Amino acid sequence: MRPRSNPSTEKTWPKSFKAAFCERFHCPPDRYESSAFWRGVFRHALPVALVIQWLKPDFFAEDMELIREVGEMTSPGLFKSEVNYFYGRNLRHKSWLRRTFRIRVSGGRMLRIRRQVQS
């Protein structure tokens, strides 16, 4: 089970992460997932991720799930918890591409993006 913050005692953002992201990066809401994915991927992984995305798009299903989950969040604590949970899943993942070569979305990059859009 994922740890959750107590929403009644925590500050919240005026907009969802998705709304703030789309406003900050000037992308339409229907392009949010793709835009957040490419901004969140480790920089060294971009060329390989592009090929994998073309050949086997379901390889990034967990990354897209994270992006969808955090998109509706208005709580900084829940956002961070979700990113930490994602990080832990990647440590235990069976795919050596995801685990060893980090061909995936970076939790650290997602947290930096969050700071950019929700400051």
C-alpha atoms as a PDB file:
ATOM      1  CA  MET A   1       0.000   0.000   0.000  1.00  0.00           C
ATOM      2  CA  ARG A   2       1.220   3.482  -0.843  1.00  0.00           C
ATOM      3  CA  PRO A   3       1.850   5.937   1.971  1.00  0.00           C
ATOM      4  CA  ARG A   4      -0.540   8.868   1.875  1.00  0.00           C
ATOM      5  CA  SER A   5      -0.367  12.249   3.537  1.00  0.00           C
ATOM      6  CA  ASN A   6      -3.205  13.608   5.606  1.00  0.00           C
ATOM      7  CA  PRO A   7      -4.959  15.946   3.151  1.00  0.00           C
ATOM      8  CA  SER A   8      -6.828  17.810   5.897  1.00  0.00           C
ATOM      9  CA  THR A   9      -3.594  19.213   7.399  1.00  0.00           C
ATOM     10  CA  GLU A  10      -1.604  19.739   4.223  1.00  0.00           C
ATOM     11  CA  LYS A  11      -1.441  22.790   1.973  1.00  0.00           C
ATOM     12  CA  THR A  12      -2.680  22.328  -1.563  1.00  0.00           C
ATOM     13  CA  TRP A  13      -2.033  23.960  -4.916  1.00  0.00           C
ATOM     14  CA  PRO A  14      -4.691  26.140  -6.519  1.00  0.00           C
ATOM     15  CA  LYS A  15      -4.516  24.023  -9.716  1.00  0.00           C
ATOM     16  CA  SER A  16      -3.852  20.395 -10.480  1.00  0.00           C
ATOM     17  CA  PHE A  17      -0.321  19.529 -11.550  1.00  0.00           C
ATOM     18  CA  LYS A  18      -1.586  18.852 -15.080  1.00  0.00           C
ATOM     19  CA  ALA A  19      -3.281  22.268 -15.345  1.00  0.00           C
ATOM     20  CA  ALA A  20      -0.198  24.063 -14.011  1.00  0.00           C
ATOM     21  CA  PHE A  21       2.124  22.018 -16.256  1.00  0.00           C
ATOM     22  CA  CYS A  22       0.104  22.799 -19.382  1.00  0.00           C
ATOM     23  CA  GLU A  23      -0.028  26.478 -18.483  1.00  0.00           C
ATOM     24  CA  ARG A  24       3.716  26.679 -17.760  1.00  0.00           C
ATOM     25  CA  PHE A  25       4.832  24.747 -20.859  1.00  0.00           C
ATOM     26  CA  HIS A  26       2.079  25.989 -23.199  1.00  0.00           C
ATOM     27  CA  CYS A  27       0.760  22.574 -24.118  1.00  0.00           C
ATOM     28  CA  PRO A  28      -2.873  21.633 -24.677  1.00  0.00           C
ATOM     29  CA  PRO A  29      -4.278  19.291 -21.997  1.00  0.00           C
ATOM     30  CA  ASP A  30      -4.555  16.424 -24.501  1.00  0.00           C
ATOM     31  CA  ARG A  31      -0.735  16.597 -25.000  1.00  0.00           C
ATOM     32  CA  TYR A  32       0.049  16.651 -21.263  1.00  0.00           C
ATOM     33  CA  GLU A  33       1.042  12.982 -20.941  1.00  0.00           C
ATOM     34  CA  SER A  34       3.381  13.009 -23.914  1.00  0.00           C
ATOM     35  CA  SER A  35       4.921  16.352 -22.987  1.00  0.00           C
ATOM     36  CA  ALA A  36       5.430  15.364 -19.345  1.00  0.00           C
ATOM     37  CA  PHE A  37       6.931  12.030 -20.421  1.00  0.00           C
ATOM     38  CA  TRP A  38       9.551  13.582 -22.709  1.00  0.00           C
ATOM     39  CA  ARG A  39      10.411  16.271 -20.148  1.00  0.00           C
ATOM     40  CA  GLY A  40      10.691  13.623 -17.425  1.00  0.00           C
ATOM     41  CA  VAL A  41      12.867  11.051 -19.209  1.00  0.00           C
ATOM     42  CA  PHE A  42      16.524  10.924 -18.177  1.00  0.00           C
ATOM     43  CA  ARG A  43      18.456  12.999 -20.750  1.00  0.00           C
ATOM     44  CA  HIS A  44      20.898  10.194 -21.562  1.00  0.00           C
ATOM     45  CA  ALA A  45      17.935   7.928 -22.325  1.00  0.00           C
ATOM     46  CA  LEU A  46      16.190  10.150 -24.877  1.00  0.00           C
ATOM     47  CA  PRO A  47      17.533   8.535 -28.085  1.00  0.00           C
ATOM     48  CA  VAL A  48      16.932   4.988 -26.837  1.00  0.00           C
ATOM     49  CA  ALA A  49      13.526   5.910 -25.385  1.00  0.00           C
ATOM     50  CA  LEU A  50      12.472   7.325 -28.739  1.00  0.00           C
ATOM     51  CA  VAL A  51      13.257   4.019 -30.463  1.00  0.00           C
ATOM     52  CA  ILE A  52      11.618   1.937 -27.715  1.00  0.00           C
ATOM     53  CA  GLN A  53       8.531   4.173 -27.727  1.00  0.00           C
ATOM     54  CA  TRP A  54       8.213   3.577 -31.460  1.00  0.00           C
ATOM     55  CA  LEU A  55       8.834  -0.218 -31.319  1.00  0.00           C
ATOM     56  CA  LYS A  56       7.252  -1.128 -27.990  1.00  0.00           C
ATOM     57  CA  PRO A  57       5.198   1.713 -26.472  1.00  0.00           C
ATOM     58  CA  ASP A  58       3.904  -0.466 -23.601  1.00  0.00           C
ATOM     59  CA  PHE A  59       7.490  -0.541 -22.246  1.00  0.00           C
ATOM     60  CA  PHE A  60       6.710   2.845 -20.670  1.00  0.00           C
ATOM     61  CA  ALA A  61       3.318   1.883 -19.187  1.00  0.00           C
ATOM     62  CA  GLU A  62       4.536   2.473 -15.602  1.00  0.00           C
ATOM     63  CA  ASP A  63       5.922   5.884 -16.530  1.00  0.00           C
ATOM     64  CA  MET A  64       2.644   6.902 -18.147  1.00  0.00           C
ATOM     65  CA  GLU A  65       0.732   5.639 -15.112  1.00  0.00           C
ATOM     66  CA  LEU A  66       2.854   7.894 -12.873  1.00  0.00           C
ATOM     67  CA  ILE A  67       2.245  10.868 -15.160  1.00  0.00           C
ATOM     68  CA  ARG A  68      -1.524  10.255 -15.157  1.00  0.00           C
ATOM     69  CA  GLU A  69      -1.574   9.791 -11.357  1.00  0.00           C
ATOM     70  CA  VAL A  70       0.314  12.992 -10.553  1.00  0.00           C
ATOM     71  CA  GLY A  71      -1.576  14.962 -13.196  1.00  0.00           C
ATOM     72  CA  GLU A  72      -4.704  15.260 -11.068  1.00  0.00           C
ATOM     73  CA  MET A  73      -2.889  15.965  -7.804  1.00  0.00           C
ATOM     74  CA  THR A  74      -3.140  19.242  -5.937  1.00  0.00           C
ATOM     75  CA  SER A  75      -1.140  18.103  -2.926  1.00  0.00           C
ATOM     76  CA  PRO A  76       2.661  18.448  -2.752  1.00  0.00           C
ATOM     77  CA  GLY A  77       2.875  15.614  -0.216  1.00  0.00           C
ATOM     78  CA  LEU A  78       0.894  13.175  -2.334  1.00  0.00           C
ATOM     79  CA  PHE A  79       2.906  14.134  -5.405  1.00  0.00           C
ATOM     80  CA  LYS A  80       6.179  13.390  -3.624  1.00  0.00           C
ATOM     81  CA  SER A  81       4.807  10.129  -2.187  1.00  0.00           C
ATOM     82  CA  GLU A  82       3.735   8.961  -5.637  1.00  0.00           C
ATOM     83  CA  VAL A  83       7.146   9.796  -7.133  1.00  0.00           C
ATOM     84  CA  ASN A  84       8.896   7.971  -4.258  1.00  0.00           C
ATOM     85  CA  TYR A  85       6.669   4.935  -4.799  1.00  0.00           C
ATOM     86  CA  PHE A  86       7.554   5.009  -8.518  1.00  0.00           C
ATOM     87  CA  TYR A  87      11.271   5.180  -7.627  1.00  0.00           C
ATOM     88  CA  GLY A  88      10.950   2.121  -5.384  1.00  0.00           C
ATOM     89  CA  ARG A  89       9.142   0.159  -8.094  1.00  0.00           C
ATOM     90  CA  ASN A  90      11.978   0.904 -10.500  1.00  0.00           C
ATOM     91  CA  LEU A  91      14.571  -0.385  -8.031  1.00  0.00           C
ATOM     92  CA  ARG A  92      12.728  -3.710  -7.941  1.00  0.00           C
ATOM     93  CA  HIS A  93      11.871  -3.821 -11.645  1.00  0.00           C
ATOM     94  CA  LYS A  94      12.960  -6.873 -13.634  1.00  0.00           C
ATOM     95  CA  SER A  95      13.875  -4.906 -16.762  1.00  0.00           C
ATOM     96  CA  TRP A  96      17.617  -4.220 -16.858  1.00  0.00           C
ATOM     97  CA  LEU A  97      16.960  -1.355 -19.289  1.00  0.00           C
ATOM     98  CA  ARG A  98      14.809   0.419 -16.707  1.00  0.00           C
ATOM     99  CA  ARG A  99      16.896  -0.499 -13.668  1.00  0.00           C
ATOM    100  CA  THR A 100      20.510  -0.481 -14.857  1.00  0.00           C
ATOM    101  CA  PHE A 101      20.459   1.940 -17.782  1.00  0.00           C
ATOM    102  CA  ARG A 102      17.603   4.060 -16.385  1.00  0.00           C
ATOM    103  CA  ILE A 103      15.626   4.109 -19.616  1.00  0.00           C
ATOM    104  CA  ARG A 104      12.594   5.644 -17.965  1.00  0.00           C
ATOM    105  CA  VAL A 105      11.142   8.763 -16.412  1.00  0.00           C
ATOM    106  CA  SER A 106      13.311  10.213 -13.666  1.00  0.00           C
ATOM    107  CA  GLY A 107      11.669  10.802 -10.292  1.00  0.00           C
ATOM    108  CA  GLY A 108      14.131  13.624  -9.644  1.00  0.00           C
ATOM    109  CA  ARG A 109      13.248  15.292 -12.934  1.00  0.00           C
ATOM    110  CA  MET A 110       9.539  15.016 -12.100  1.00  0.00           C
ATOM    111  CA  LEU A 111      10.146  16.704  -8.746  1.00  0.00           C
ATOM    112  CA  ARG A 112      12.106  19.496 -10.456  1.00  0.00           C
ATOM    113  CA  ILE A 113       9.319  19.951 -12.995  1.00  0.00           C
ATOM    114  CA  ARG A 114       6.822  20.116 -10.117  1.00  0.00           C
ATOM    115  CA  ARG A 115       8.846  22.906  -8.522  1.00  0.00           C
ATOM    116  CA  GLN A 116       8.888  24.772 -11.838  1.00  0.00           C
ATOM    117  CA  VAL A 117       5.151  24.608 -12.367  1.00  0.00           C
ATOM    118  CA  GLN A 118       3.877  24.890  -8.797  1.00  0.00           C
ATOM    119  CA  SER A 119       6.200  27.566  -7.389  1.00  0.00           C
END
